Amino acid sequence: QVQLVESGGGLVQPGGSLRLSCAASGFTFSTYVMSWYRQAPGKERECELVASISSAGGNTNYADSVKGRFTNARDNAKNTVYLQMNSQNAEGTAVYYCSAARKLEYLEYWGQGTQVTVSS
């Protein structure tokens, strides 16, 4: 059974840091591109791609809104992907989802999401 379980969300002050984790099981994690998306309150029809990392971890991509502040990393031995979020701002309030994809084969899995709230 495929599972992606996000953790690490919570309340963070503006300018603060938080690290999200996404533990995967039920598929060959090391062959999938892993991505983080976020959905802000009031934008249920919009899901922003925040960051993605290649299957071996050698290539990462980030949304312009988080470049220089967020770091996406993965540990294929632990079947886990991480999102280190620094210098958080109000725009960071959202539900964060991790996704595993092999798009050429139309394979894509999603986690349940973890809430991040940026507030003083």
Protein backbone atom coordinates (compact mmCIF):
# COMPACT_ATOMS: atom_id res chain seq x y z
CA GLN A 1 0.00 0.00 0.00
CA VAL A 2 1.43 3.35 -1.04
CA GLN A 3 1.79 5.87 1.76
CA LEU A 4 3.23 9.34 2.02
CA VAL A 5 3.08 10.75 5.52
CA GLU A 6 4.05 14.37 6.11
CA SER A 7 5.08 15.63 9.51
CA GLY A 8 6.72 18.64 11.09
CA GLY A 9 4.07 21.24 10.45
CA GLY A 10 2.89 23.67 13.07
CA LEU A 11 3.03 27.26 14.14
CA VAL A 12 6.11 29.31 13.30
CA GLN A 13 6.80 32.97 13.82
CA PRO A 14 7.61 35.24 10.90
CA GLY A 15 11.30 34.88 10.18
CA GLY A 16 11.39 31.49 11.86
CA SER A 17 12.28 28.04 10.60
CA LEU A 18 10.54 24.73 10.32
CA ARG A 19 11.48 21.40 8.78
CA LEU A 20 8.91 19.18 7.16
CA SER A 21 9.42 15.48 6.58
CA CYS A 22 7.63 13.09 4.30
CA ALA A 23 8.05 9.37 4.93
CA ALA A 24 7.27 7.11 2.00
CA SER A 25 6.39 3.44 1.80
CA GLY A 26 4.83 0.97 -0.60
CA PHE A 27 6.77 1.96 -3.71
CA THR A 28 10.35 2.26 -4.92
CA PHE A 29 11.06 5.67 -3.45
CA SER A 30 14.48 6.11 -5.04
CA THR A 31 13.02 6.05 -8.55
CA TYR A 32 10.53 8.87 -8.02
CA VAL A 33 10.84 12.62 -8.28
CA MET A 34 9.68 14.08 -4.98
CA SER A 35 7.93 17.41 -4.78
CA TRP A 36 6.42 19.70 -2.20
CA TYR A 37 3.26 21.65 -2.95
CA ARG A 38 1.32 24.07 -0.81
CA GLN A 39 -2.25 25.23 -0.75
CA ALA A 40 -2.94 28.54 0.93
CA PRO A 41 -6.19 29.30 2.75
CA GLY A 42 -8.85 30.68 0.45
CA LYS A 43 -7.05 29.27 -2.59
CA GLU A 44 -8.55 25.82 -2.71
CA ARG A 45 -8.26 25.77 -6.50
CA GLU A 46 -4.59 26.68 -6.47
CA CYS A 47 -1.77 24.40 -5.45
CA GLU A 48 1.67 25.94 -5.75
CA LEU A 49 4.66 23.79 -6.57
CA VAL A 50 7.19 24.82 -3.96
CA ALA A 51 10.13 22.53 -4.60
CA SER A 52 11.10 19.32 -6.31
CA ILE A 53 14.08 17.01 -6.20
CA SER A 54 15.23 14.41 -8.67
CA SER A 55 15.22 10.71 -7.85
CA ALA A 56 18.90 10.58 -6.93
CA GLY A 57 18.83 14.00 -5.29
CA GLY A 58 21.22 15.66 -7.68
CA ASN A 59 18.81 18.24 -9.05
CA THR A 60 16.48 20.55 -7.19
CA ASN A 61 14.07 23.21 -8.33
CA TYR A 62 12.29 25.88 -6.35
CA ALA A 63 9.50 28.36 -6.82
CA ASP A 64 10.79 31.91 -7.08
CA SER A 65 8.84 32.72 -3.92
CA VAL A 66 11.00 30.39 -1.80
CA LYS A 67 14.38 30.43 -3.52
CA GLY A 68 17.18 31.05 -1.08
CA ARG A 69 14.96 30.28 1.92
CA PHE A 70 13.78 26.68 1.43
CA THR A 71 15.92 23.61 0.92
CA ASN A 72 14.63 20.33 -0.43
CA ALA A 73 16.60 17.19 0.40
CA ARG A 74 16.04 13.45 0.38
CA ASP A 75 17.46 10.37 2.03
CA ASN A 76 16.81 7.39 -0.21
CA ALA A 77 18.07 5.01 2.47
CA LYS A 78 15.30 6.23 4.77
CA ASN A 79 12.65 6.73 2.08
CA THR A 80 12.19 10.26 3.32
CA VAL A 81 12.17 13.70 1.78
CA TYR A 82 12.62 16.91 3.73
CA LEU A 83 11.76 20.54 3.27
CA GLN A 84 13.77 22.95 5.39
CA MET A 85 11.95 26.27 5.52
CA ASN A 86 13.83 29.30 6.76
CA SER A 87 12.85 32.96 6.99
CA GLN A 88 9.19 32.08 6.85
CA ASN A 89 6.74 34.83 5.99
CA ALA A 90 2.95 35.12 6.02
CA GLU A 91 2.80 33.70 2.50
CA GLY A 92 4.04 30.45 3.99
CA THR A 93 0.77 29.75 5.77
CA ALA A 94 -0.63 26.79 3.90
CA VAL A 95 -1.18 23.08 3.90
CA TYR A 96 1.99 21.48 2.56
CA TYR A 97 1.78 18.26 0.58
CA CYS A 98 4.48 15.96 -0.63
CA SER A 99 4.13 14.15 -3.89
CA ALA A 100 5.95 11.29 -5.57
CA ALA A 101 5.88 11.11 -9.35
CA ARG A 102 7.13 9.23 -12.34
CA LYS A 103 5.27 11.34 -14.82
CA LEU A 104 6.36 9.58 -17.98
CA GLU A 105 4.56 6.55 -16.60
CA TYR A 106 1.62 8.54 -15.27
CA LEU A 107 2.41 7.51 -11.72
CA GLU A 108 1.77 10.04 -8.98
CA TYR A 109 1.06 9.77 -5.28
CA TRP A 110 0.17 12.39 -2.70
CA GLY A 111 0.30 12.65 1.04
CA GLN A 112 -2.46 13.97 3.29
CA GLY A 113 -0.73 17.26 3.97
CA THR A 114 0.55 19.06 7.02
CA GLN A 115 -0.55 22.50 8.15
CA VAL A 116 2.00 25.29 8.52
CA THR A 117 0.87 28.55 10.07
CA VAL A 118 3.14 31.58 10.09
CA SER A 119 2.01 33.99 12.76
CA SER A 120 3.30 36.01 15.64
